[in-house]
Amino acid sequence: MEDIFCHQTAVIDENAKIGKGTKVWHFSHIMQGAEIGEKCNIGQNVFVADGVKVGNRVKIQNNVSLYSGVECEDDVFLGPSCVFTNVINPRSFIERKTEYKRTLIKKGASIGANATIVCGNTIGRYALVGAGSVIREDVEDYACVCGNPAKKIGYVGEYGHRLNFNDENIAIEKESNFKYSLTQNGVKRIE
């Protein structure tokens, strides 16, 4: 495959799609039917199953397995050893391949090291999941969640800084200077 870097120990199956500028590092395995976008970084010992879709500029750190049913939009960060599932009630003696649940990680979201994402949930745009957290329900856009089970502890902006809302429910994120509004429907960036 031209225009990608693939370490000599990595295994890329035929019919896997990998975009330009993507790097696949040591001991990783990309299965046939997987789709990986452009300018991604696939760390050491990463497994990407058939049917997984990964957007552009996604960073997947070491020891992450993406099973069928997982989809990552653009600019997602997956921390080292974070865990995804795809069957809600697995048993070794019962085949449940027709019961895989979809897990969606939306644009710009970040998942911390060793977090567990129970299948069937959606992580919202630019959300931040703390290291070691267990996600058992959907996470709203811009939410910062931590713990087991994960609970919302506040909101973060697109640059990952905590948002502190004033009396008018407006926050300006340091570093980016982006402005955000908090309503009953959640957080929105004000253009």
C-alpha atoms as a PDB file:
ATOM      1  CA  MET A   1       0.000   0.000   0.000  1.00  0.00           C
ATOM      2  CA  GLU A   2       1.465   3.259  -1.124  1.00  0.00           C
ATOM      3  CA  ASP A   3       1.401   6.453   0.918  1.00  0.00           C
ATOM      4  CA  ILE A   4       1.132   4.685   4.297  1.00  0.00           C
ATOM      5  CA  PHE A   5       3.756   3.545   6.761  1.00  0.00           C
ATOM      6  CA  CYS A   6       3.400  -0.032   7.937  1.00  0.00           C
ATOM      7  CA  HIS A   7       5.950  -1.481  10.340  1.00  0.00           C
ATOM      8  CA  GLN A   8       7.362  -4.808   9.139  1.00  0.00           C
ATOM      9  CA  THR A   9       5.787  -6.678  12.094  1.00  0.00           C
ATOM     10  CA  ALA A  10       2.274  -5.339  11.415  1.00  0.00           C
ATOM     11  CA  VAL A  11      -0.269  -7.461   9.545  1.00  0.00           C
ATOM     12  CA  ILE A  12      -2.568  -5.763   7.060  1.00  0.00           C
ATOM     13  CA  ASP A  13      -5.106  -8.164   5.548  1.00  0.00           C
ATOM     14  CA  GLU A  14      -6.171  -7.928   1.922  1.00  0.00           C
ATOM     15  CA  ASN A  15      -9.215  -5.705   1.403  1.00  0.00           C
ATOM     16  CA  ALA A  16      -8.441  -3.547   4.433  1.00  0.00           C
ATOM     17  CA  LYS A  17      -8.742   0.115   3.468  1.00  0.00           C
ATOM     18  CA  ILE A  18      -6.152   2.503   4.870  1.00  0.00           C
ATOM     19  CA  GLY A  19      -5.965   6.186   3.953  1.00  0.00           C
ATOM     20  CA  LYS A  20      -2.927   8.205   2.879  1.00  0.00           C
ATOM     21  CA  GLY A  21      -0.494   9.305   5.535  1.00  0.00           C
ATOM     22  CA  THR A  22      -1.592   6.697   8.091  1.00  0.00           C
ATOM     23  CA  LYS A  23       1.035   4.921  10.206  1.00  0.00           C
ATOM     24  CA  VAL A  24       0.587   1.379  11.512  1.00  0.00           C
ATOM     25  CA  TRP A  25       3.136   0.413  14.165  1.00  0.00           C
ATOM     26  CA  HIS A  26       4.623  -2.768  15.670  1.00  0.00           C
ATOM     27  CA  PHE A  27       2.569  -5.969  16.022  1.00  0.00           C
ATOM     28  CA  SER A  28      -0.735  -4.399  14.947  1.00  0.00           C
ATOM     29  CA  HIS A  29      -3.344  -6.285  12.902  1.00  0.00           C
ATOM     30  CA  ILE A  30      -5.807  -4.629  10.535  1.00  0.00           C
ATOM     31  CA  MET A  31      -8.372  -7.167   9.306  1.00  0.00           C
ATOM     32  CA  GLN A  32     -10.028  -7.335   5.907  1.00  0.00           C
ATOM     33  CA  GLY A  33     -13.083  -5.107   5.734  1.00  0.00           C
ATOM     34  CA  ALA A  34     -11.688  -2.563   8.207  1.00  0.00           C
ATOM     35  CA  GLU A  35     -11.701   1.052   7.008  1.00  0.00           C
ATOM     36  CA  ILE A  36      -9.132   3.505   8.369  1.00  0.00           C
ATOM     37  CA  GLY A  37      -8.991   7.116   7.226  1.00  0.00           C
ATOM     38  CA  GLU A  38      -6.115   9.420   6.359  1.00  0.00           C
ATOM     39  CA  LYS A  39      -3.331  10.617   8.664  1.00  0.00           C
ATOM     40  CA  CYS A  40      -4.177   8.199  11.478  1.00  0.00           C
ATOM     41  CA  ASN A  41      -1.648   6.818  13.942  1.00  0.00           C
ATOM     42  CA  ILE A  42      -2.198   3.166  14.901  1.00  0.00           C
ATOM     43  CA  GLY A  43       0.043   2.354  17.893  1.00  0.00           C
ATOM     44  CA  GLN A  44       1.708  -0.901  18.928  1.00  0.00           C
ATOM     45  CA  ASN A  45      -0.352  -4.064  19.370  1.00  0.00           C
ATOM     46  CA  VAL A  46      -3.594  -2.593  18.029  1.00  0.00           C
ATOM     47  CA  PHE A  47      -6.298  -4.836  16.563  1.00  0.00           C
ATOM     48  CA  VAL A  48      -8.906  -3.481  14.124  1.00  0.00           C
ATOM     49  CA  ALA A  49     -11.644  -5.976  13.204  1.00  0.00           C
ATOM     50  CA  ASP A  50     -13.662  -6.443  10.050  1.00  0.00           C
ATOM     51  CA  GLY A  51     -16.385  -3.803   9.736  1.00  0.00           C
ATOM     52  CA  VAL A  52     -14.718  -1.227  11.993  1.00  0.00           C
ATOM     53  CA  LYS A  53     -14.671   2.307  10.607  1.00  0.00           C
ATOM     54  CA  VAL A  54     -12.052   4.824  11.708  1.00  0.00           C
ATOM     55  CA  GLY A  55     -12.160   8.436  10.458  1.00  0.00           C
ATOM     56  CA  ASN A  56      -9.319  10.791   9.593  1.00  0.00           C
ATOM     57  CA  ARG A  57      -6.593  11.953  12.006  1.00  0.00           C
ATOM     58  CA  VAL A  58      -7.549   9.368  14.646  1.00  0.00           C
ATOM     59  CA  LYS A  59      -4.879   8.407  17.192  1.00  0.00           C
ATOM     60  CA  ILE A  60      -5.140   4.892  18.588  1.00  0.00           C
ATOM     61  CA  GLN A  61      -2.598   4.308  21.340  1.00  0.00           C
ATOM     62  CA  ASN A  62      -0.954   0.984  22.252  1.00  0.00           C
ATOM     63  CA  ASN A  63      -2.908  -2.173  23.160  1.00  0.00           C
ATOM     64  CA  VAL A  64      -6.362  -1.134  21.901  1.00  0.00           C
ATOM     65  CA  SER A  65      -8.709  -3.594  20.186  1.00  0.00           C
ATOM     66  CA  LEU A  66     -11.546  -2.258  18.038  1.00  0.00           C
ATOM     67  CA  TYR A  67     -14.119  -4.999  17.506  1.00  0.00           C
ATOM     68  CA  SER A  68     -16.855  -5.190  14.875  1.00  0.00           C
ATOM     69  CA  GLY A  69     -19.511  -2.618  15.668  1.00  0.00           C
ATOM     70  CA  VAL A  70     -17.115   0.155  16.721  1.00  0.00           C
ATOM     71  CA  GLU A  71     -17.007   3.348  14.676  1.00  0.00           C
ATOM     72  CA  CYS A  72     -14.743   6.342  15.316  1.00  0.00           C
ATOM     73  CA  GLU A  73     -15.384   9.641  13.558  1.00  0.00           C
ATOM     74  CA  ASP A  74     -12.604  12.125  12.676  1.00  0.00           C
ATOM     75  CA  ASP A  75     -10.084  13.435  15.234  1.00  0.00           C
ATOM     76  CA  VAL A  76     -10.806  10.828  17.924  1.00  0.00           C
ATOM     77  CA  PHE A  77      -8.145   9.956  20.520  1.00  0.00           C
ATOM     78  CA  LEU A  78      -8.146   6.455  22.060  1.00  0.00           C
ATOM     79  CA  GLY A  79      -5.807   6.203  25.042  1.00  0.00           C
ATOM     80  CA  PRO A  80      -3.547   3.247  25.812  1.00  0.00           C
ATOM     81  CA  SER A  81      -5.294  -0.011  26.678  1.00  0.00           C
ATOM     82  CA  CYS A  82      -8.820   1.396  26.534  1.00  0.00           C
ATOM     83  CA  VAL A  83     -11.345  -1.406  26.032  1.00  0.00           C
ATOM     84  CA  PHE A  84     -14.330  -1.814  23.714  1.00  0.00           C
ATOM     85  CA  THR A  85     -16.930  -4.567  23.805  1.00  0.00           C
ATOM     86  CA  ASN A  86     -19.452  -5.589  21.154  1.00  0.00           C
ATOM     87  CA  VAL A  87     -21.782  -8.108  22.839  1.00  0.00           C
ATOM     88  CA  ILE A  88     -23.780  -7.159  25.924  1.00  0.00           C
ATOM     89  CA  ASN A  89     -24.053 -10.674  27.425  1.00  0.00           C
ATOM     90  CA  PRO A  90     -21.179 -12.827  26.110  1.00  0.00           C
ATOM     91  CA  ARG A  91     -20.907 -16.559  26.725  1.00  0.00           C
ATOM     92  CA  SER A  92     -18.121 -18.688  25.279  1.00  0.00           C
ATOM     93  CA  PHE A  93     -20.525 -21.503  24.412  1.00  0.00           C
ATOM     94  CA  ILE A  94     -23.087 -19.285  22.609  1.00  0.00           C
ATOM     95  CA  GLU A  95     -22.229 -17.578  19.323  1.00  0.00           C
ATOM     96  CA  ARG A  96     -23.717 -14.068  19.246  1.00  0.00           C
ATOM     97  CA  LYS A  97     -22.085 -12.609  16.134  1.00  0.00           C
ATOM     98  CA  THR A  98     -25.491 -11.454  14.902  1.00  0.00           C
ATOM     99  CA  GLU A  99     -25.998  -9.479  18.129  1.00  0.00           C
ATOM    100  CA  TYR A 100     -23.051  -7.063  17.886  1.00  0.00           C
ATOM    101  CA  LYS A 101     -24.043  -3.642  19.168  1.00  0.00           C
ATOM    102  CA  ARG A 102     -22.866  -0.430  17.538  1.00  0.00           C
ATOM    103  CA  THR A 103     -20.583   1.839  19.537  1.00  0.00           C
ATOM    104  CA  LEU A 104     -20.034   5.315  18.092  1.00  0.00           C
ATOM    105  CA  ILE A 105     -17.245   7.664  19.129  1.00  0.00           C
ATOM    106  CA  LYS A 106     -18.084  11.058  17.639  1.00  0.00           C
ATOM    107  CA  LYS A 107     -15.764  13.696  16.197  1.00  0.00           C
ATOM    108  CA  GLY A 108     -13.027  14.988  18.478  1.00  0.00           C
ATOM    109  CA  ALA A 109     -13.826  12.796  21.497  1.00  0.00           C
ATOM    110  CA  SER A 110     -11.002  11.529  23.711  1.00  0.00           C
ATOM    111  CA  ILE A 111     -10.986   8.339  25.761  1.00  0.00           C
ATOM    112  CA  GLY A 112      -8.432   7.999  28.545  1.00  0.00           C
ATOM    113  CA  ALA A 113      -6.115   5.082  29.255  1.00  0.00           C
ATOM    114  CA  ASN A 114      -7.739   1.882  30.531  1.00  0.00           C
ATOM    115  CA  ALA A 115     -11.297   3.189  30.130  1.00  0.00           C
ATOM    116  CA  THR A 116     -13.948   0.590  29.268  1.00  0.00           C
ATOM    117  CA  ILE A 117     -16.700   1.407  26.782  1.00  0.00           C
ATOM    118  CA  VAL A 118     -19.653  -0.966  27.105  1.00  0.00           C
ATOM    119  CA  CYS A 119     -21.116  -1.649  23.667  1.00  0.00           C
ATOM    120  CA  GLY A 120     -24.212   0.093  22.356  1.00  0.00           C
ATOM    121  CA  ASN A 121     -23.251   3.538  23.636  1.00  0.00           C
ATOM    122  CA  THR A 122     -22.335   6.793  21.913  1.00  0.00           C
ATOM    123  CA  ILE A 123     -19.575   9.119  23.062  1.00  0.00           C
ATOM    124  CA  GLY A 124     -20.535  12.660  22.009  1.00  0.00           C
ATOM    125  CA  ARG A 125     -18.556  15.212  20.034  1.00  0.00           C
ATOM    126  CA  TYR A 126     -15.462  16.493  21.882  1.00  0.00           C
ATOM    127  CA  ALA A 127     -16.395  14.563  25.030  1.00  0.00           C
ATOM    128  CA  LEU A 128     -13.614  13.559  27.415  1.00  0.00           C
ATOM    129  CA  VAL A 129     -13.677  10.164  29.148  1.00  0.00           C
ATOM    130  CA  GLY A 130     -11.311  10.010  32.117  1.00  0.00           C
ATOM    131  CA  ALA A 131      -8.694   7.288  32.482  1.00  0.00           C
ATOM    132  CA  GLY A 132     -10.076   4.080  33.972  1.00  0.00           C
ATOM    133  CA  SER A 133     -13.721   5.129  33.595  1.00  0.00           C
ATOM    134  CA  VAL A 134     -16.472   2.662  32.716  1.00  0.00           C
ATOM    135  CA  ILE A 135     -19.022   3.936  30.196  1.00  0.00           C
ATOM    136  CA  ARG A 136     -22.437   2.278  30.585  1.00  0.00           C
ATOM    137  CA  GLU A 137     -24.575   4.953  28.918  1.00  0.00           C
ATOM    138  CA  ASP A 138     -24.332   7.624  26.237  1.00  0.00           C
ATOM    139  CA  VAL A 139     -22.045  10.597  26.896  1.00  0.00           C
ATOM    140  CA  GLU A 140     -23.289  13.981  25.687  1.00  0.00           C
ATOM    141  CA  ASP A 141     -21.286  16.367  23.506  1.00  0.00           C
ATOM    142  CA  TYR A 142     -18.506  18.228  25.376  1.00  0.00           C
ATOM    143  CA  ALA A 143     -19.132  16.293  28.613  1.00  0.00           C
ATOM    144  CA  CYS A 144     -16.250  15.304  30.894  1.00  0.00           C
ATOM    145  CA  VAL A 145     -16.999  11.983  32.598  1.00  0.00           C
ATOM    146  CA  CYS A 146     -15.014   9.992  35.173  1.00  0.00           C
ATOM    147  CA  GLY A 147     -15.392   6.997  37.449  1.00  0.00           C
ATOM    148  CA  ASN A 148     -17.045   3.578  37.605  1.00  0.00           C
ATOM    149  CA  PRO A 149     -19.730   3.931  36.474  1.00  0.00           C
ATOM    150  CA  ALA A 150     -18.745   7.164  34.731  1.00  0.00           C
ATOM    151  CA  LYS A 151     -20.508  10.320  35.905  1.00  0.00           C
ATOM    152  CA  LYS A 152     -20.469  13.760  34.319  1.00  0.00           C
ATOM    153  CA  ILE A 153     -18.231  16.100  36.321  1.00  0.00           C
ATOM    154  CA  GLY A 154     -18.463  19.077  33.961  1.00  0.00           C
ATOM    155  CA  TYR A 155     -17.826  20.131  30.403  1.00  0.00           C
ATOM    156  CA  VAL A 156     -14.720  20.647  28.262  1.00  0.00           C
ATOM    157  CA  GLY A 157     -14.142  22.646  25.096  1.00  0.00           C
ATOM    158  CA  GLU A 158     -12.714  21.468  21.807  1.00  0.00           C
ATOM    159  CA  TYR A 159      -9.150  21.965  23.106  1.00  0.00           C
ATOM    160  CA  GLY A 160      -9.917  19.788  26.142  1.00  0.00           C
ATOM    161  CA  HIS A 161      -9.986  22.537  28.780  1.00  0.00           C
ATOM    162  CA  ARG A 162     -12.675  22.659  31.479  1.00  0.00           C
ATOM    163  CA  LEU A 163     -15.493  25.113  30.739  1.00  0.00           C
ATOM    164  CA  ASN A 164     -16.561  27.438  33.544  1.00  0.00           C
ATOM    165  CA  PHE A 165     -19.934  28.970  32.732  1.00  0.00           C
ATOM    166  CA  ASN A 166     -20.881  32.452  33.962  1.00  0.00           C
ATOM    167  CA  ASP A 167     -24.323  33.616  35.166  1.00  0.00           C
ATOM    168  CA  GLU A 168     -25.499  33.866  31.537  1.00  0.00           C
ATOM    169  CA  ASN A 169     -24.376  30.239  30.910  1.00  0.00           C
ATOM    170  CA  ILE A 170     -21.543  31.343  28.626  1.00  0.00           C
ATOM    171  CA  ALA A 171     -17.972  30.041  28.862  1.00  0.00           C
ATOM    172  CA  ILE A 172     -14.805  30.972  26.991  1.00  0.00           C
ATOM    173  CA  GLU A 173     -12.241  28.201  26.707  1.00  0.00           C
ATOM    174  CA  LYS A 174      -8.679  29.150  27.538  1.00  0.00           C
ATOM    175  CA  GLU A 175      -6.137  28.526  24.768  1.00  0.00           C
ATOM    176  CA  SER A 176      -8.725  28.426  21.956  1.00  0.00           C
ATOM    177  CA  ASN A 177     -10.840  31.434  23.055  1.00  0.00           C
ATOM    178  CA  PHE A 178     -13.870  29.575  21.659  1.00  0.00           C
ATOM    179  CA  LYS A 179     -17.174  30.592  23.218  1.00  0.00           C
ATOM    180  CA  TYR A 180     -19.740  28.037  24.420  1.00  0.00           C
ATOM    181  CA  SER A 181     -23.351  28.193  25.556  1.00  0.00           C
ATOM    182  CA  LEU A 182     -24.998  25.889  28.126  1.00  0.00           C
ATOM    183  CA  THR A 183     -28.721  25.216  27.665  1.00  0.00           C
ATOM    184  CA  GLN A 184     -31.192  22.525  28.707  1.00  0.00           C
ATOM    185  CA  ASN A 185     -30.147  20.701  25.522  1.00  0.00           C
ATOM    186  CA  GLY A 186     -26.454  20.664  26.468  1.00  0.00           C
ATOM    187  CA  VAL A 187     -23.384  22.600  25.370  1.00  0.00           C
ATOM    188  CA  LYS A 188     -22.983  24.215  21.964  1.00  0.00           C
ATOM    189  CA  ARG A 189     -20.084  26.202  20.537  1.00  0.00           C
ATOM    190  CA  ILE A 190     -21.080  29.712  19.543  1.00  0.00           C
ATOM    191  CA  GLU A 191     -19.660  30.600  16.138  1.00  0.00           C
END
